[in-house]
N, C-alpha and C. Protein backbone atom coordinates (compact mmCIF):
# COMPACT_ATOMS: atom_id res chain seq x y z
N MET A 1 -11.71 10.54 -3.16
CA MET A 1 -11.30 9.15 -2.97
C MET A 1 -11.29 8.61 -1.53
N HIS A 2 -11.87 7.47 -1.30
CA HIS A 2 -12.04 7.05 0.04
C HIS A 2 -10.68 6.54 0.58
N ILE A 3 -10.37 6.90 1.86
CA ILE A 3 -9.14 6.66 2.33
C ILE A 3 -8.78 5.06 2.42
N LEU A 4 -9.88 4.34 2.61
CA LEU A 4 -9.65 2.79 2.57
C LEU A 4 -9.34 2.18 1.25
N ARG A 5 -9.54 3.03 0.19
CA ARG A 5 -9.26 2.47 -1.10
C ARG A 5 -7.88 2.75 -1.58
N ILE A 6 -7.07 3.43 -0.73
CA ILE A 6 -5.76 3.83 -1.17
C ILE A 6 -4.68 2.83 -0.92
N PRO A 7 -4.22 3.25 -0.43
CA PRO A 7 -3.11 2.71 0.17
C PRO A 7 -2.21 2.40 0.17
N LEU A 8 -1.73 2.83 1.26
CA LEU A 8 -0.75 2.69 1.83
C LEU A 8 -0.23 1.22 1.47
N LEU A 9 0.15 -0.16 0.90
CA LEU A 9 1.35 -0.79 0.51
C LEU A 9 1.39 -2.16 0.66
N LEU A 10 0.98 -3.57 0.49
CA LEU A 10 1.52 -4.51 -0.48
C LEU A 10 1.07 -5.98 -0.15
N THR A 11 0.41 -6.60 -1.12
CA THR A 11 -0.07 -7.95 -0.80
C THR A 11 0.29 -8.98 -1.83
N LEU A 12 0.56 -8.52 -3.12
CA LEU A 12 0.88 -9.54 -4.06
C LEU A 12 2.29 -9.38 -4.61
N LEU A 13 3.04 -10.45 -4.62
CA LEU A 13 4.41 -10.31 -4.95
C LEU A 13 4.64 -10.97 -6.33
N LEU A 14 5.40 -10.31 -7.15
CA LEU A 14 5.95 -10.93 -8.39
C LEU A 14 7.42 -11.21 -8.12
N VAL A 15 7.75 -12.43 -8.12
CA VAL A 15 9.19 -12.86 -7.84
C VAL A 15 9.67 -13.86 -8.87
N SER A 16 10.87 -14.20 -8.78
CA SER A 16 11.49 -15.10 -9.74
C SER A 16 11.32 -16.54 -9.31
N GLY A 17 10.88 -16.87 -8.09
CA GLY A 17 10.71 -18.25 -7.63
C GLY A 17 9.49 -18.82 -8.09
N THR A 18 9.32 -20.13 -8.14
CA THR A 18 8.12 -20.81 -8.49
C THR A 18 7.42 -21.55 -7.53
N SER A 19 8.04 -21.63 -6.32
CA SER A 19 7.23 -22.41 -5.24
C SER A 19 6.90 -21.35 -4.23
N ILE A 20 5.83 -21.66 -3.36
CA ILE A 20 5.53 -20.69 -2.37
C ILE A 20 6.59 -20.37 -1.42
N ALA A 21 7.36 -21.45 -1.12
CA ALA A 21 8.44 -21.17 -0.15
C ALA A 21 9.45 -20.11 -0.67
N SER A 22 9.80 -20.26 -1.99
CA SER A 22 10.77 -19.36 -2.51
C SER A 22 10.17 -17.90 -2.74
N VAL A 23 8.92 -17.85 -3.08
CA VAL A 23 8.25 -16.59 -3.18
C VAL A 23 8.13 -15.93 -1.84
N ARG A 24 7.82 -16.61 -0.89
CA ARG A 24 7.86 -16.06 0.49
C ARG A 24 9.23 -15.72 0.98
N GLN A 25 10.20 -16.38 0.53
CA GLN A 25 11.54 -16.02 0.96
C GLN A 25 11.91 -14.72 0.18
N GLN A 26 11.44 -14.50 -0.94
CA GLN A 26 11.72 -13.05 -1.51
C GLN A 26 11.13 -11.99 -0.74
N LEU A 27 9.89 -12.24 -0.22
CA LEU A 27 9.21 -11.28 0.62
C LEU A 27 10.03 -11.11 1.87
N GLU A 28 10.36 -12.16 2.52
CA GLU A 28 11.14 -12.12 3.78
C GLU A 28 12.49 -11.33 3.58
N ASN A 29 13.07 -11.75 2.51
CA ASN A 29 14.38 -10.97 2.17
C ASN A 29 14.18 -9.46 1.91
N PHE A 30 13.08 -9.11 1.30
CA PHE A 30 12.71 -7.69 1.25
C PHE A 30 12.54 -6.99 2.48
N LEU A 31 11.88 -7.75 3.37
CA LEU A 31 11.41 -7.05 4.70
C LEU A 31 12.56 -7.14 5.67
N ASP A 32 13.46 -8.08 5.55
CA ASP A 32 14.59 -8.26 6.45
C ASP A 32 15.45 -7.01 6.57
N GLY A 33 15.63 -6.37 7.67
CA GLY A 33 16.46 -5.24 7.77
C GLY A 33 15.89 -3.91 7.22
N LEU A 34 14.66 -4.03 6.66
CA LEU A 34 14.10 -2.73 6.13
C LEU A 34 13.51 -1.87 7.22
N THR A 35 14.12 -0.62 7.07
CA THR A 35 13.68 0.45 8.14
C THR A 35 13.05 1.58 7.37
N THR A 36 13.52 1.98 6.20
CA THR A 36 12.81 2.99 5.46
C THR A 36 12.81 2.61 3.98
N LEU A 37 11.87 3.30 3.28
CA LEU A 37 11.78 3.01 1.87
C LEU A 37 11.20 4.21 1.06
N LYS A 38 11.71 4.33 -0.10
CA LYS A 38 11.19 5.52 -0.98
C LYS A 38 11.01 4.94 -2.37
N ALA A 39 9.88 5.20 -3.00
CA ALA A 39 9.67 4.81 -4.29
C ALA A 39 8.69 5.66 -5.05
N ASP A 40 8.99 5.84 -6.32
CA ASP A 40 7.91 6.57 -7.22
C ASP A 40 6.97 5.44 -7.68
N PHE A 41 5.77 5.85 -7.90
CA PHE A 41 4.76 4.80 -8.27
C PHE A 41 3.74 5.41 -9.40
N SER A 42 3.18 4.58 -10.11
CA SER A 42 2.09 4.98 -10.99
C SER A 42 0.93 4.04 -10.45
N GLN A 43 -0.29 4.59 -10.54
CA GLN A 43 -1.50 3.85 -10.02
C GLN A 43 -2.52 3.90 -11.08
N GLU A 44 -3.20 2.74 -11.12
CA GLU A 44 -4.42 2.62 -12.10
C GLU A 44 -5.47 2.03 -11.23
N LEU A 45 -6.64 2.76 -11.20
CA LEU A 45 -7.77 2.38 -10.52
C LEU A 45 -8.94 1.93 -11.56
N VAL A 46 -9.36 0.77 -11.42
CA VAL A 46 -10.36 0.22 -12.37
C VAL A 46 -11.65 -0.10 -11.55
N ASP A 47 -12.70 0.51 -12.14
CA ASP A 47 -14.09 0.13 -11.59
C ASP A 47 -14.63 -1.00 -12.46
N ILE A 48 -14.81 -2.16 -11.89
CA ILE A 48 -15.14 -3.41 -12.60
C ILE A 48 -16.56 -3.21 -13.10
N GLU A 49 -17.46 -2.51 -12.47
CA GLU A 49 -18.86 -2.48 -12.99
C GLU A 49 -19.01 -1.50 -14.16
N THR A 50 -18.30 -0.38 -14.08
CA THR A 50 -18.44 0.67 -15.12
C THR A 50 -17.28 0.62 -16.11
N ASP A 51 -16.26 -0.15 -15.84
CA ASP A 51 -15.05 -0.17 -16.75
C ASP A 51 -14.29 1.18 -16.69
N GLN A 52 -14.74 2.07 -15.79
CA GLN A 52 -14.02 3.39 -15.70
C GLN A 52 -12.55 3.17 -15.21
N VAL A 53 -11.57 3.85 -15.75
CA VAL A 53 -10.17 3.68 -15.39
C VAL A 53 -9.69 5.13 -15.11
N SER A 54 -8.91 5.25 -13.95
CA SER A 54 -8.28 6.42 -13.64
C SER A 54 -6.85 6.26 -13.30
N HIS A 55 -6.01 7.17 -13.64
CA HIS A 55 -4.53 7.04 -13.49
C HIS A 55 -3.98 8.09 -12.61
N SER A 56 -3.05 7.93 -11.93
CA SER A 56 -2.28 8.89 -10.97
C SER A 56 -0.90 8.40 -10.79
N ARG A 57 -0.13 9.42 -10.29
CA ARG A 57 1.38 9.18 -10.08
C ARG A 57 1.74 9.79 -8.73
N GLY A 58 2.88 9.35 -8.15
CA GLY A 58 3.36 10.05 -6.94
C GLY A 58 4.52 9.36 -6.38
N VAL A 59 4.76 9.53 -5.05
CA VAL A 59 5.86 9.14 -4.42
C VAL A 59 5.38 8.44 -3.06
N PHE A 60 6.02 7.29 -2.72
CA PHE A 60 5.65 6.57 -1.51
C PHE A 60 6.83 6.65 -0.62
N TYR A 61 6.64 6.94 0.67
CA TYR A 61 7.69 6.82 1.78
C TYR A 61 7.21 5.93 2.88
N LEU A 62 8.09 5.14 3.39
CA LEU A 62 7.82 4.21 4.46
C LEU A 62 8.84 4.26 5.53
N SER A 63 8.46 4.39 6.83
CA SER A 63 9.44 4.27 7.92
C SER A 63 8.87 3.39 8.97
N ARG A 64 9.52 2.19 9.06
CA ARG A 64 9.02 1.15 9.97
C ARG A 64 9.44 1.42 11.37
N PRO A 65 8.66 1.13 12.39
CA PRO A 65 7.35 0.69 12.19
C PRO A 65 6.21 1.75 12.15
N GLU A 66 5.12 1.27 11.39
CA GLU A 66 3.86 2.00 11.53
C GLU A 66 3.73 3.27 10.85
N ARG A 67 4.75 3.71 10.12
CA ARG A 67 4.59 5.10 9.49
C ARG A 67 4.76 5.10 7.91
N PHE A 68 3.94 5.94 7.22
CA PHE A 68 4.11 5.97 5.87
C PHE A 68 3.56 7.20 5.31
N ARG A 69 3.84 7.51 4.04
CA ARG A 69 3.31 8.71 3.41
C ARG A 69 3.20 8.58 1.93
N TRP A 70 1.89 8.61 1.34
CA TRP A 70 1.63 8.56 0.04
C TRP A 70 1.41 9.98 -0.50
N VAL A 71 2.12 10.38 -1.54
CA VAL A 71 1.98 11.72 -2.02
C VAL A 71 1.54 11.54 -3.54
N TYR A 72 0.30 12.04 -3.86
CA TYR A 72 -0.27 11.94 -5.28
C TYR A 72 -0.08 13.30 -5.92
N LYS A 73 0.52 13.32 -7.05
CA LYS A 73 0.85 14.56 -7.75
C LYS A 73 -0.25 14.71 -8.87
N GLY A 74 -0.26 16.01 -9.49
CA GLY A 74 -1.19 16.16 -10.58
C GLY A 74 -2.10 17.43 -10.25
N GLU A 75 -3.09 17.49 -11.03
CA GLU A 75 -3.99 18.63 -10.96
C GLU A 75 -4.67 18.80 -9.55
N TYR A 76 -4.94 17.64 -8.96
CA TYR A 76 -5.59 17.67 -7.61
C TYR A 76 -4.63 16.94 -6.64
N PRO A 77 -3.54 17.55 -6.19
CA PRO A 77 -2.65 16.90 -5.31
C PRO A 77 -3.26 16.59 -4.01
N ARG A 78 -2.88 15.42 -3.48
CA ARG A 78 -3.37 15.01 -2.11
C ARG A 78 -2.34 14.06 -1.59
N TYR A 79 -2.34 13.85 -0.23
CA TYR A 79 -1.40 12.96 0.37
C TYR A 79 -2.06 12.30 1.59
N ILE A 80 -1.49 11.05 1.85
CA ILE A 80 -1.86 10.38 3.03
C ILE A 80 -0.75 10.15 3.93
N ILE A 81 -1.03 10.37 5.27
CA ILE A 81 0.04 10.25 6.21
C ILE A 81 -0.40 9.32 7.28
N ALA A 82 0.33 8.34 7.64
CA ALA A 82 0.13 7.49 8.84
C ALA A 82 1.27 7.75 9.79
N ASP A 83 0.94 8.29 10.96
CA ASP A 83 1.88 8.72 11.95
C ASP A 83 2.11 7.79 13.08
N GLY A 84 1.50 6.57 12.99
CA GLY A 84 1.57 5.56 14.01
C GLY A 84 0.30 5.35 14.85
N LYS A 85 -0.51 6.43 14.81
CA LYS A 85 -1.77 6.41 15.58
C LYS A 85 -2.98 6.71 14.63
N THR A 86 -2.75 7.67 13.83
CA THR A 86 -3.87 8.24 12.96
C THR A 86 -3.52 8.20 11.46
N ILE A 87 -4.39 7.96 10.60
CA ILE A 87 -4.19 8.04 9.13
C ILE A 87 -4.91 9.32 8.78
N TRP A 88 -4.17 10.19 8.07
CA TRP A 88 -4.69 11.49 7.63
C TRP A 88 -4.78 11.55 6.09
N LEU A 89 -5.96 11.77 5.48
CA LEU A 89 -6.06 11.99 4.07
C LEU A 89 -6.24 13.48 3.81
N VAL A 90 -5.30 14.13 3.18
CA VAL A 90 -5.30 15.56 3.06
C VAL A 90 -5.59 15.98 1.63
N GLU A 91 -6.59 16.79 1.35
CA GLU A 91 -6.95 17.29 0.03
C GLU A 91 -6.81 18.76 0.07
N GLU A 92 -5.75 19.21 -0.39
CA GLU A 92 -5.34 20.62 -0.28
C GLU A 92 -6.28 21.50 -1.17
N ASP A 93 -6.74 20.98 -2.27
CA ASP A 93 -7.54 21.89 -3.20
C ASP A 93 -8.78 22.23 -2.67
N ILE A 94 -9.35 21.39 -1.73
CA ILE A 94 -10.63 21.68 -1.08
C ILE A 94 -10.46 22.03 0.43
N GLN A 95 -9.28 22.12 0.82
CA GLN A 95 -8.89 22.32 2.19
C GLN A 95 -9.69 21.38 3.22
N GLN A 96 -9.57 20.11 2.91
CA GLN A 96 -10.31 19.13 3.69
C GLN A 96 -9.30 18.05 4.19
N VAL A 97 -9.64 17.50 5.39
CA VAL A 97 -8.74 16.50 5.97
C VAL A 97 -9.72 15.40 6.64
N SER A 98 -9.50 14.14 6.20
CA SER A 98 -10.12 13.04 6.87
C SER A 98 -9.26 12.33 7.78
N GLN A 99 -9.67 11.97 8.81
CA GLN A 99 -8.88 11.22 9.84
C GLN A 99 -9.51 9.90 10.36
N ARG A 100 -8.67 8.94 10.57
CA ARG A 100 -9.24 7.75 11.02
C ARG A 100 -8.18 6.95 11.97
N SER A 101 -8.63 6.08 12.88
CA SER A 101 -7.67 5.31 13.62
C SER A 101 -6.82 4.46 12.81
N GLN A 102 -5.55 4.46 12.91
CA GLN A 102 -4.66 3.79 12.05
C GLN A 102 -4.91 2.24 12.22
N LYS A 103 -5.02 1.74 13.50
CA LYS A 103 -5.11 0.38 13.87
C LYS A 103 -6.41 -0.18 13.16
N THR A 104 -7.52 0.56 13.01
CA THR A 104 -8.73 0.09 12.45
C THR A 104 -8.58 0.14 10.97
N ALA A 105 -7.95 1.28 10.36
CA ALA A 105 -7.96 1.34 8.96
C ALA A 105 -7.07 0.35 8.21
N LEU A 106 -6.00 -0.10 8.90
CA LEU A 106 -4.97 -0.87 8.18
C LEU A 106 -5.17 -2.44 8.39
N LYS A 107 -6.20 -2.76 9.08
CA LYS A 107 -6.40 -4.15 9.38
C LYS A 107 -6.64 -4.88 8.08
N GLY A 108 -5.73 -5.92 7.83
CA GLY A 108 -5.87 -6.81 6.78
C GLY A 108 -5.54 -6.14 5.46
N THR A 109 -4.73 -5.14 5.44
CA THR A 109 -4.25 -4.43 4.26
C THR A 109 -2.83 -4.73 3.90
N PRO A 110 -2.40 -4.38 2.68
CA PRO A 110 -0.94 -4.45 2.35
C PRO A 110 -0.12 -3.58 3.24
N ALA A 111 -0.60 -2.44 3.62
CA ALA A 111 0.11 -1.56 4.46
C ALA A 111 0.57 -2.16 5.69
N SER A 112 -0.34 -2.85 6.37
CA SER A 112 -0.12 -3.44 7.59
C SER A 112 0.95 -4.61 7.44
N LEU A 113 1.06 -5.19 6.28
CA LEU A 113 2.04 -6.25 5.98
C LEU A 113 3.46 -5.69 6.00
N PHE A 114 3.64 -4.43 5.34
CA PHE A 114 4.90 -3.86 5.14
C PHE A 114 5.28 -2.92 6.25
N ALA A 115 4.37 -2.27 6.83
CA ALA A 115 4.70 -1.22 7.90
C ALA A 115 4.92 -1.86 9.26
N SER A 116 4.35 -3.08 9.49
CA SER A 116 4.42 -3.82 10.80
C SER A 116 5.11 -5.11 10.59
N VAL A 117 5.30 -5.76 11.75
CA VAL A 117 5.80 -7.17 11.71
C VAL A 117 4.58 -8.00 12.13
N LEU A 118 4.11 -8.80 11.02
CA LEU A 118 2.95 -9.68 11.25
C LEU A 118 3.32 -11.13 10.92
N ASP A 119 2.38 -11.98 11.53
CA ASP A 119 2.41 -13.33 11.13
C ASP A 119 1.64 -13.51 9.78
N LEU A 120 2.29 -13.75 8.79
CA LEU A 120 1.55 -13.76 7.38
C LEU A 120 0.48 -14.85 7.39
N ASP A 121 0.64 -16.02 7.88
CA ASP A 121 -0.27 -17.13 7.86
C ASP A 121 -1.40 -16.87 8.76
N GLN A 122 -1.26 -16.02 9.83
CA GLN A 122 -2.31 -15.69 10.69
C GLN A 122 -3.35 -14.74 10.11
N ASP A 123 -2.84 -13.85 9.18
CA ASP A 123 -3.66 -12.80 8.68
C ASP A 123 -4.19 -13.10 7.27
N PHE A 124 -3.35 -14.02 6.49
CA PHE A 124 -3.77 -14.25 5.14
C PHE A 124 -3.63 -15.64 4.83
N GLU A 125 -4.56 -16.15 3.78
CA GLU A 125 -4.50 -17.37 3.16
C GLU A 125 -3.43 -17.06 1.96
N VAL A 126 -2.46 -17.86 1.90
CA VAL A 126 -1.30 -17.58 0.86
C VAL A 126 -1.40 -18.68 -0.24
N ARG A 127 -1.49 -18.07 -1.46
CA ARG A 127 -1.52 -18.97 -2.63
C ARG A 127 -0.52 -18.67 -3.70
N ASP A 128 0.23 -19.63 -4.22
CA ASP A 128 1.32 -19.44 -5.27
C ASP A 128 0.59 -19.45 -6.61
N LEU A 129 0.73 -18.40 -7.39
CA LEU A 129 0.11 -18.41 -8.73
C LEU A 129 1.15 -18.69 -9.86
N GLY A 130 2.35 -18.92 -9.39
CA GLY A 130 3.38 -19.25 -10.48
C GLY A 130 3.91 -18.04 -11.26
N GLN A 131 4.34 -18.29 -12.47
CA GLN A 131 5.06 -17.33 -13.25
C GLN A 131 3.96 -16.62 -14.25
N ARG A 132 4.12 -15.36 -14.28
CA ARG A 132 3.22 -14.56 -15.23
C ARG A 132 4.02 -13.22 -15.48
N MET A 133 4.10 -12.95 -16.81
CA MET A 133 4.85 -11.69 -17.28
C MET A 133 6.31 -11.73 -16.72
N GLY A 134 6.91 -12.92 -16.71
CA GLY A 134 8.33 -13.05 -16.19
C GLY A 134 8.44 -12.80 -14.73
N LEU A 135 7.38 -12.83 -13.99
CA LEU A 135 7.46 -12.59 -12.59
C LEU A 135 6.75 -13.71 -11.85
N GLY A 136 7.08 -13.98 -10.58
CA GLY A 136 6.36 -14.94 -9.75
C GLY A 136 5.35 -14.22 -8.91
N TRP A 137 4.16 -14.77 -8.91
CA TRP A 137 3.03 -14.05 -8.21
C TRP A 137 2.58 -14.83 -7.04
N LEU A 138 2.27 -14.11 -5.95
CA LEU A 138 1.73 -14.57 -4.65
C LEU A 138 0.39 -13.94 -4.40
N LYS A 139 -0.64 -14.73 -4.17
CA LYS A 139 -2.00 -14.25 -3.75
C LYS A 139 -2.19 -14.30 -2.30
N LEU A 140 -2.67 -13.10 -1.70
CA LEU A 140 -2.92 -13.13 -0.25
C LEU A 140 -4.46 -12.76 -0.11
N ILE A 141 -5.10 -13.70 0.55
CA ILE A 141 -6.50 -13.48 0.82
C ILE A 141 -6.75 -13.23 2.28
N PRO A 142 -7.23 -12.14 2.66
CA PRO A 142 -7.36 -11.76 4.12
C PRO A 142 -8.38 -12.66 4.76
N LYS A 143 -7.93 -13.13 6.02
CA LYS A 143 -8.78 -14.06 6.68
C LYS A 143 -9.85 -13.38 7.49
N LYS A 144 -9.63 -12.07 7.81
CA LYS A 144 -10.63 -11.38 8.64
C LYS A 144 -11.82 -11.02 7.65
N GLU A 145 -13.05 -11.26 8.08
CA GLU A 145 -14.27 -11.08 7.23
C GLU A 145 -14.43 -9.53 7.04
N ASP A 146 -14.00 -8.81 8.00
CA ASP A 146 -14.26 -7.34 7.87
C ASP A 146 -13.13 -6.55 7.05
N SER A 147 -12.31 -7.38 6.49
CA SER A 147 -11.19 -6.61 5.58
C SER A 147 -11.80 -6.01 4.40
N GLN A 148 -11.25 -4.92 4.10
CA GLN A 148 -11.87 -4.16 2.89
C GLN A 148 -11.39 -4.75 1.58
N PHE A 149 -10.52 -5.76 1.64
CA PHE A 149 -9.99 -6.45 0.39
C PHE A 149 -10.43 -7.86 0.29
N GLU A 150 -10.64 -8.22 -0.95
CA GLU A 150 -11.00 -9.58 -1.14
C GLU A 150 -9.71 -10.37 -1.58
N GLN A 151 -8.74 -9.80 -2.18
CA GLN A 151 -7.46 -10.40 -2.33
C GLN A 151 -6.50 -9.26 -2.61
N ILE A 152 -5.13 -9.67 -2.46
CA ILE A 152 -3.99 -8.71 -2.77
C ILE A 152 -2.95 -9.59 -3.40
N LEU A 153 -2.30 -9.02 -4.37
CA LEU A 153 -1.27 -9.60 -5.19
C LEU A 153 0.01 -8.74 -5.06
N LEU A 154 1.13 -9.32 -4.78
CA LEU A 154 2.38 -8.65 -4.63
C LEU A 154 3.31 -9.21 -5.59
N ALA A 155 4.19 -8.41 -6.24
CA ALA A 155 5.07 -8.78 -7.31
C ALA A 155 6.51 -8.37 -7.02
N PHE A 156 7.50 -9.36 -7.07
CA PHE A 156 8.90 -8.93 -6.95
C PHE A 156 9.61 -9.51 -8.17
N GLU A 157 10.57 -8.67 -8.57
CA GLU A 157 11.59 -9.09 -9.63
C GLU A 157 12.87 -9.18 -8.87
N GLY A 158 13.30 -10.48 -8.66
CA GLY A 158 14.40 -10.68 -7.72
C GLY A 158 13.99 -10.26 -6.30
N ASP A 159 14.77 -9.41 -5.58
CA ASP A 159 14.37 -8.88 -4.39
C ASP A 159 13.72 -7.50 -4.48
N ARG A 160 13.42 -7.04 -5.72
CA ARG A 160 12.96 -5.68 -5.91
C ARG A 160 11.39 -5.78 -5.97
N LEU A 161 10.69 -5.01 -5.19
CA LEU A 161 9.22 -4.95 -5.37
C LEU A 161 8.92 -4.20 -6.56
N ALA A 162 8.11 -4.91 -7.46
CA ALA A 162 7.64 -4.35 -8.73
C ALA A 162 6.27 -3.90 -8.83
N ARG A 163 5.34 -4.61 -8.21
CA ARG A 163 3.95 -4.28 -8.40
C ARG A 163 3.08 -4.87 -7.39
N MET A 164 1.99 -4.12 -7.16
CA MET A 164 1.02 -4.56 -6.19
C MET A 164 -0.36 -4.30 -6.80
N GLU A 165 -1.21 -5.38 -6.55
CA GLU A 165 -2.58 -5.22 -7.05
C GLU A 165 -3.52 -5.53 -5.94
N MET A 166 -4.70 -4.85 -5.85
CA MET A 166 -5.72 -5.00 -4.77
C MET A 166 -7.07 -5.04 -5.29
N ALA A 167 -7.84 -6.03 -4.96
CA ALA A 167 -9.23 -5.99 -5.39
C ALA A 167 -10.00 -5.80 -3.99
N ASP A 168 -10.77 -4.68 -3.96
CA ASP A 168 -11.52 -4.47 -2.72
C ASP A 168 -13.04 -4.81 -2.98
N ARG A 169 -13.69 -4.70 -1.79
CA ARG A 169 -15.21 -5.16 -1.84
C ARG A 169 -16.10 -4.07 -2.38
N PHE A 170 -15.50 -3.09 -2.94
CA PHE A 170 -16.33 -2.00 -3.51
C PHE A 170 -16.38 -2.11 -5.12
N GLY A 171 -15.85 -3.24 -5.61
CA GLY A 171 -15.87 -3.49 -7.02
C GLY A 171 -14.77 -2.79 -7.81
N GLN A 172 -13.64 -2.48 -7.02
CA GLN A 172 -12.59 -1.78 -7.63
C GLN A 172 -11.29 -2.58 -7.60
N VAL A 173 -10.39 -2.47 -8.60
CA VAL A 173 -9.14 -3.03 -8.54
C VAL A 173 -8.06 -1.92 -8.77
N THR A 174 -7.08 -1.92 -7.82
CA THR A 174 -6.17 -0.85 -7.85
C THR A 174 -4.79 -1.54 -8.12
N ARG A 175 -4.06 -1.01 -9.12
CA ARG A 175 -2.73 -1.54 -9.50
C ARG A 175 -1.68 -0.41 -9.25
N PHE A 176 -0.61 -0.79 -8.67
CA PHE A 176 0.60 0.09 -8.51
C PHE A 176 1.87 -0.58 -9.07
N ASP A 177 2.57 0.23 -9.84
CA ASP A 177 3.84 -0.22 -10.34
C ASP A 177 4.80 0.72 -9.67
N PHE A 178 5.95 0.21 -9.14
CA PHE A 178 6.97 0.88 -8.35
C PHE A 178 8.24 1.10 -9.23
N PHE A 179 8.78 2.30 -9.08
CA PHE A 179 10.04 2.64 -9.86
C PHE A 179 11.00 3.33 -8.93
N ASN A 180 12.31 3.30 -9.28
CA ASN A 180 13.31 4.09 -8.57
C ASN A 180 13.34 3.78 -7.08
N LEU A 181 13.13 2.51 -6.70
CA LEU A 181 12.95 2.20 -5.28
C LEU A 181 14.24 2.30 -4.62
N GLN A 182 14.22 3.04 -3.54
CA GLN A 182 15.47 3.10 -2.67
C GLN A 182 15.19 2.45 -1.25
N ARG A 183 16.10 1.58 -0.95
CA ARG A 183 16.05 0.82 0.37
C ARG A 183 16.83 1.49 1.43
N ASN A 184 16.23 1.78 2.55
CA ASN A 184 16.75 2.36 3.78
C ASN A 184 17.44 3.78 3.48
N PRO A 185 16.89 4.60 2.68
CA PRO A 185 17.35 6.00 2.67
C PRO A 185 17.02 6.84 3.91
N PRO A 186 17.89 7.83 4.03
CA PRO A 186 17.55 8.75 5.18
C PRO A 186 16.20 9.55 4.86
N LEU A 187 15.27 9.59 5.73
CA LEU A 187 14.01 10.27 5.54
C LEU A 187 13.85 11.22 6.61
N ASP A 188 13.37 12.40 6.39
CA ASP A 188 13.10 13.38 7.44
C ASP A 188 11.86 13.04 8.30
N ASP A 189 11.99 13.08 9.53
CA ASP A 189 10.77 12.75 10.37
C ASP A 189 9.58 13.52 10.15
N SER A 190 9.65 14.78 9.60
CA SER A 190 8.52 15.59 9.39
C SER A 190 7.62 14.99 8.28
N LEU A 191 8.07 14.04 7.44
CA LEU A 191 7.26 13.46 6.44
C LEU A 191 6.12 12.69 7.08
N PHE A 192 6.33 12.18 8.32
CA PHE A 192 5.33 11.37 8.92
C PHE A 192 4.54 12.04 10.10
N LYS A 193 4.60 13.44 9.97
CA LYS A 193 3.83 14.21 11.01
C LYS A 193 2.80 15.12 10.33
N PHE A 194 1.62 15.36 10.97
CA PHE A 194 0.66 16.19 10.37
C PHE A 194 -0.10 16.99 11.46
N VAL A 195 -0.34 18.28 11.19
CA VAL A 195 -1.09 19.09 12.04
C VAL A 195 -2.08 19.76 11.15
N PRO A 196 -3.43 19.65 11.24
CA PRO A 196 -4.33 20.29 10.28
C PRO A 196 -4.12 21.83 10.26
N PRO A 197 -3.99 22.38 9.10
CA PRO A 197 -3.83 23.83 9.02
C PRO A 197 -5.08 24.52 9.38
N PRO A 198 -5.02 25.86 9.89
CA PRO A 198 -6.27 26.52 10.25
C PRO A 198 -7.19 26.71 9.03
N GLY A 199 -8.44 26.56 9.26
CA GLY A 199 -9.44 26.81 8.22
C GLY A 199 -9.76 25.50 7.41
N TYR A 200 -9.11 24.32 7.62
CA TYR A 200 -9.40 23.19 7.01
C TYR A 200 -10.57 22.43 7.67
N ASP A 201 -11.44 21.82 6.84
CA ASP A 201 -12.58 20.91 7.42
C ASP A 201 -11.91 19.73 7.75
N ILE A 202 -12.34 19.23 8.96
CA ILE A 202 -11.82 17.93 9.57
C ILE A 202 -12.91 17.02 9.62
N LEU A 203 -12.77 15.81 8.94
CA LEU A 203 -13.81 14.82 8.93
C LEU A 203 -13.33 13.56 9.69
N ASP A 204 -14.26 13.01 10.56
CA ASP A 204 -13.77 11.72 11.17
C ASP A 204 -14.45 10.54 10.45
N GLN A 205 -13.69 9.45 10.25
CA GLN A 205 -14.25 8.34 9.55
C GLN A 205 -14.26 7.07 10.36
């Protein structure tokens, strides 16, 4: 799985408001005072051209600013770490690590929105989609032409982050549902540090 297709965290909001101001307020309320975050997630990856669908589950950790960790569980466990400077994609089953500059990799992504303090209107065109499935939706379209995403959807239920959907330029749609969300829990600093183990292949992206 390509590191740029993952990710790290959130552009479409499902919220209870119906106007763009109220939806944005839900997002601002969610981010206000947020220092750490932990949530279980389920992920669905859909290839639009082939209709192929893959599913995975895991745990997401966030420590603002600039640090996060995605842990994918299952037959082929892997995890992604952003330590503030570098993003590491670790595939333990094949003893391989991919690394990339965090500043470059996160440009125009949901992760940049939640991990950093950004000017929303400077980076995204914001559109209110109204109510769907009992939630209010907000569409974010990256303004930077080199963004890997065509659009991002974030969903809130009240002030709780419920779902995120991302359509990328590779013809794939990634959907995340979040469960057991914990706001500002204590998180060990070691979650956001990584040193490649001896014998691992290291790839630069």
